[in-house]
Amino acid sequence: MSGKRLNNDIRALRFAAGEMTQADLGKRVGLTRQTIAAIEAGKYSPTLECAFRIADVFEKPLDAVFRWEDTDHSPDR
């Protein structure tokens, strides 16, 4: 493996957008609340299309929402 993982700022962006719920975001992008929760937690990587749809909801470029980072730089460590 490459020692990298996909990280995101979806939770922070949801709260900055008036405390949008996972369910609300899911409805806007065509995903379930459970899928949004899994993406936020880094347990599931969205398709490229879904990633762009999520970024569009927050009116952000893709790299402002998702980052491909070394695992030793992830917030969990």
N, C-alpha and C. Protein backbone atom coordinates (compact mmCIF):
# COMPACT_ATOMS: atom_id res chain seq x y z
N MET A 1 0.84 -1.19 0.00
CA MET A 1 0.00 0.00 0.00
C MET A 1 0.88 1.25 0.00
N SER A 2 0.26 2.36 -0.31
CA SER A 2 1.01 3.60 -0.47
C SER A 2 1.25 4.33 0.84
N GLY A 3 0.60 3.92 1.93
CA GLY A 3 0.75 4.65 3.18
C GLY A 3 -0.01 5.97 3.17
N LYS A 4 -1.03 6.04 2.32
CA LYS A 4 -1.85 7.26 2.23
C LYS A 4 -3.31 6.89 2.45
N ARG A 5 -4.08 7.90 2.81
CA ARG A 5 -5.52 7.70 2.95
C ARG A 5 -6.25 8.97 2.56
N LEU A 6 -7.52 8.81 2.25
CA LEU A 6 -8.36 9.94 1.88
C LEU A 6 -8.96 10.53 3.15
N ASN A 7 -8.66 11.78 3.41
CA ASN A 7 -9.23 12.51 4.55
C ASN A 7 -10.18 13.57 4.01
N ASN A 8 -11.07 14.04 4.86
CA ASN A 8 -12.02 15.06 4.41
C ASN A 8 -12.42 16.00 5.54
N ASP A 9 -13.03 17.10 5.14
CA ASP A 9 -13.52 18.11 6.07
C ASP A 9 -15.04 18.23 6.02
N ILE A 10 -15.71 17.15 5.66
CA ILE A 10 -17.16 17.21 5.48
C ILE A 10 -17.87 17.61 6.77
N ARG A 11 -17.49 17.03 7.89
CA ARG A 11 -18.18 17.36 9.15
C ARG A 11 -18.08 18.85 9.46
N ALA A 12 -16.88 19.41 9.35
CA ALA A 12 -16.68 20.85 9.61
C ALA A 12 -17.49 21.69 8.62
N LEU A 13 -17.50 21.28 7.37
CA LEU A 13 -18.26 22.03 6.36
C LEU A 13 -19.76 21.95 6.62
N ARG A 14 -20.24 20.80 7.08
CA ARG A 14 -21.67 20.68 7.40
C ARG A 14 -22.05 21.64 8.52
N PHE A 15 -21.21 21.71 9.55
CA PHE A 15 -21.52 22.60 10.67
C PHE A 15 -21.40 24.06 10.27
N ALA A 16 -20.46 24.38 9.40
CA ALA A 16 -20.32 25.75 8.91
C ALA A 16 -21.51 26.14 8.03
N ALA A 17 -22.19 25.15 7.47
CA ALA A 17 -23.35 25.39 6.61
C ALA A 17 -24.64 25.31 7.42
N GLY A 18 -24.65 25.86 8.61
CA GLY A 18 -25.85 25.90 9.43
C GLY A 18 -26.19 24.58 10.07
N GLU A 19 -25.17 23.82 10.45
CA GLU A 19 -25.34 22.53 11.10
C GLU A 19 -26.19 21.57 10.26
N MET A 20 -25.87 21.51 8.97
CA MET A 20 -26.52 20.57 8.06
C MET A 20 -26.33 19.15 8.59
N THR A 21 -27.37 18.36 8.57
CA THR A 21 -27.26 16.98 9.04
C THR A 21 -26.67 16.08 7.95
N GLN A 22 -26.23 14.91 8.36
CA GLN A 22 -25.75 13.93 7.40
C GLN A 22 -26.88 13.53 6.45
N ALA A 23 -28.09 13.42 6.99
CA ALA A 23 -29.25 13.06 6.17
C ALA A 23 -29.53 14.14 5.13
N ASP A 24 -29.44 15.41 5.54
CA ASP A 24 -29.67 16.52 4.60
C ASP A 24 -28.64 16.49 3.47
N LEU A 25 -27.38 16.31 3.82
CA LEU A 25 -26.33 16.25 2.80
C LEU A 25 -26.57 15.05 1.89
N GLY A 26 -26.92 13.92 2.48
CA GLY A 26 -27.19 12.73 1.69
C GLY A 26 -28.29 12.95 0.67
N LYS A 27 -29.37 13.60 1.08
CA LYS A 27 -30.48 13.88 0.16
C LYS A 27 -30.02 14.77 -0.99
N ARG A 28 -29.16 15.73 -0.67
CA ARG A 28 -28.71 16.68 -1.71
C ARG A 28 -27.78 16.04 -2.73
N VAL A 29 -27.09 14.97 -2.35
CA VAL A 29 -26.13 14.35 -3.27
C VAL A 29 -26.55 12.94 -3.71
N GLY A 30 -27.69 12.46 -3.21
CA GLY A 30 -28.19 11.16 -3.64
C GLY A 30 -27.56 9.98 -2.93
N LEU A 31 -27.16 10.17 -1.67
CA LEU A 31 -26.57 9.11 -0.86
C LEU A 31 -27.36 8.98 0.43
N THR A 32 -27.21 7.86 1.12
CA THR A 32 -27.88 7.68 2.40
C THR A 32 -27.09 8.38 3.51
N ARG A 33 -27.75 8.61 4.63
CA ARG A 33 -27.08 9.18 5.80
C ARG A 33 -25.94 8.28 6.23
N GLN A 34 -26.16 6.98 6.16
CA GLN A 34 -25.14 6.02 6.57
C GLN A 34 -23.89 6.12 5.68
N THR A 35 -24.09 6.33 4.40
CA THR A 35 -22.95 6.47 3.49
C THR A 35 -22.19 7.75 3.79
N ILE A 36 -22.90 8.84 4.03
CA ILE A 36 -22.24 10.10 4.39
C ILE A 36 -21.43 9.91 5.68
N ALA A 37 -22.02 9.23 6.66
CA ALA A 37 -21.30 8.97 7.92
C ALA A 37 -20.03 8.17 7.67
N ALA A 38 -20.11 7.16 6.81
CA ALA A 38 -18.94 6.33 6.51
C ALA A 38 -17.87 7.13 5.78
N ILE A 39 -18.27 8.00 4.87
CA ILE A 39 -17.31 8.85 4.16
C ILE A 39 -16.62 9.79 5.15
N GLU A 40 -17.41 10.44 6.00
CA GLU A 40 -16.85 11.35 7.01
C GLU A 40 -15.83 10.65 7.89
N ALA A 41 -16.13 9.42 8.28
CA ALA A 41 -15.26 8.67 9.19
C ALA A 41 -14.05 8.06 8.48
N GLY A 42 -13.99 8.20 7.17
CA GLY A 42 -12.87 7.64 6.43
C GLY A 42 -12.95 6.14 6.23
N LYS A 43 -14.14 5.58 6.45
CA LYS A 43 -14.33 4.13 6.29
C LYS A 43 -14.78 3.76 4.88
N TYR A 44 -15.16 4.76 4.09
CA TYR A 44 -15.62 4.53 2.73
C TYR A 44 -15.16 5.69 1.87
N SER A 45 -14.62 5.38 0.70
CA SER A 45 -14.21 6.41 -0.25
C SER A 45 -15.30 6.59 -1.29
N PRO A 46 -15.77 7.82 -1.46
CA PRO A 46 -16.84 8.05 -2.44
C PRO A 46 -16.31 7.91 -3.86
N THR A 47 -17.22 7.70 -4.80
CA THR A 47 -16.82 7.75 -6.21
C THR A 47 -16.40 9.17 -6.51
N LEU A 48 -15.68 9.34 -7.59
CA LEU A 48 -15.26 10.68 -7.98
C LEU A 48 -16.46 11.59 -8.22
N GLU A 49 -17.48 11.04 -8.85
CA GLU A 49 -18.70 11.81 -9.10
C GLU A 49 -19.34 12.26 -7.78
N CYS A 50 -19.46 11.37 -6.82
CA CYS A 50 -20.05 11.73 -5.52
C CYS A 50 -19.19 12.76 -4.80
N ALA A 51 -17.89 12.62 -4.89
CA ALA A 51 -16.99 13.59 -4.26
C ALA A 51 -17.22 14.98 -4.84
N PHE A 52 -17.36 15.07 -6.16
CA PHE A 52 -17.64 16.37 -6.79
C PHE A 52 -19.00 16.90 -6.36
N ARG A 53 -20.01 16.02 -6.26
CA ARG A 53 -21.34 16.47 -5.83
C ARG A 53 -21.29 17.02 -4.41
N ILE A 54 -20.55 16.35 -3.53
CA ILE A 54 -20.41 16.83 -2.15
C ILE A 54 -19.72 18.19 -2.14
N ALA A 55 -18.64 18.33 -2.88
CA ALA A 55 -17.94 19.62 -2.94
C ALA A 55 -18.85 20.72 -3.48
N ASP A 56 -19.67 20.39 -4.48
CA ASP A 56 -20.59 21.38 -5.06
C ASP A 56 -21.60 21.88 -4.04
N VAL A 57 -22.08 21.00 -3.16
CA VAL A 57 -23.04 21.42 -2.13
C VAL A 57 -22.45 22.55 -1.28
N PHE A 58 -21.17 22.43 -0.97
CA PHE A 58 -20.51 23.43 -0.12
C PHE A 58 -19.86 24.56 -0.93
N GLU A 59 -20.03 24.50 -2.26
CA GLU A 59 -19.45 25.51 -3.17
C GLU A 59 -17.95 25.64 -2.94
N LYS A 60 -17.30 24.47 -2.85
CA LYS A 60 -15.85 24.39 -2.62
C LYS A 60 -15.22 23.56 -3.73
N PRO A 61 -13.95 23.82 -4.04
CA PRO A 61 -13.26 22.91 -4.96
C PRO A 61 -13.04 21.57 -4.28
N LEU A 62 -12.87 20.54 -5.07
CA LEU A 62 -12.71 19.18 -4.55
C LEU A 62 -11.60 19.09 -3.51
N ASP A 63 -10.47 19.76 -3.76
CA ASP A 63 -9.34 19.65 -2.83
C ASP A 63 -9.52 20.46 -1.55
N ALA A 64 -10.60 21.22 -1.46
CA ALA A 64 -10.92 21.90 -0.20
C ALA A 64 -11.78 21.01 0.70
N VAL A 65 -12.29 19.92 0.13
CA VAL A 65 -13.14 18.99 0.88
C VAL A 65 -12.39 17.69 1.16
N PHE A 66 -11.67 17.19 0.15
CA PHE A 66 -10.97 15.91 0.26
C PHE A 66 -9.47 16.10 0.08
N ARG A 67 -8.68 15.33 0.84
CA ARG A 67 -7.22 15.38 0.75
C ARG A 67 -6.66 13.97 0.74
N TRP A 68 -5.66 13.72 -0.09
CA TRP A 68 -4.94 12.45 -0.14
C TRP A 68 -3.67 12.67 0.66
N GLU A 69 -3.62 12.11 1.89
CA GLU A 69 -2.54 12.42 2.82
C GLU A 69 -1.80 11.17 3.28
N ASP A 70 -0.53 11.38 3.62
CA ASP A 70 0.24 10.32 4.25
C ASP A 70 -0.44 9.92 5.55
N THR A 71 -0.44 8.64 5.86
CA THR A 71 -1.12 8.18 7.08
C THR A 71 -0.48 8.74 8.34
N ASP A 72 0.82 9.06 8.31
CA ASP A 72 1.46 9.61 9.50
C ASP A 72 1.13 11.08 9.69
N HIS A 73 0.38 11.70 8.75
CA HIS A 73 -0.07 13.08 8.90
C HIS A 73 -1.55 13.18 9.17
N SER A 74 -2.22 12.03 9.31
CA SER A 74 -3.65 12.05 9.54
C SER A 74 -3.96 12.52 10.96
N PRO A 75 -5.14 13.14 11.15
CA PRO A 75 -5.50 13.66 12.47
C PRO A 75 -5.62 12.58 13.55
N ASP A 76 -5.74 11.31 13.15
CA ASP A 76 -5.89 10.24 14.12
C ASP A 76 -4.58 9.91 14.82
N ARG A 77 -3.48 10.43 14.34
CA ARG A 77 -2.17 10.09 14.92
C ARG A 77 -1.57 11.25 15.61
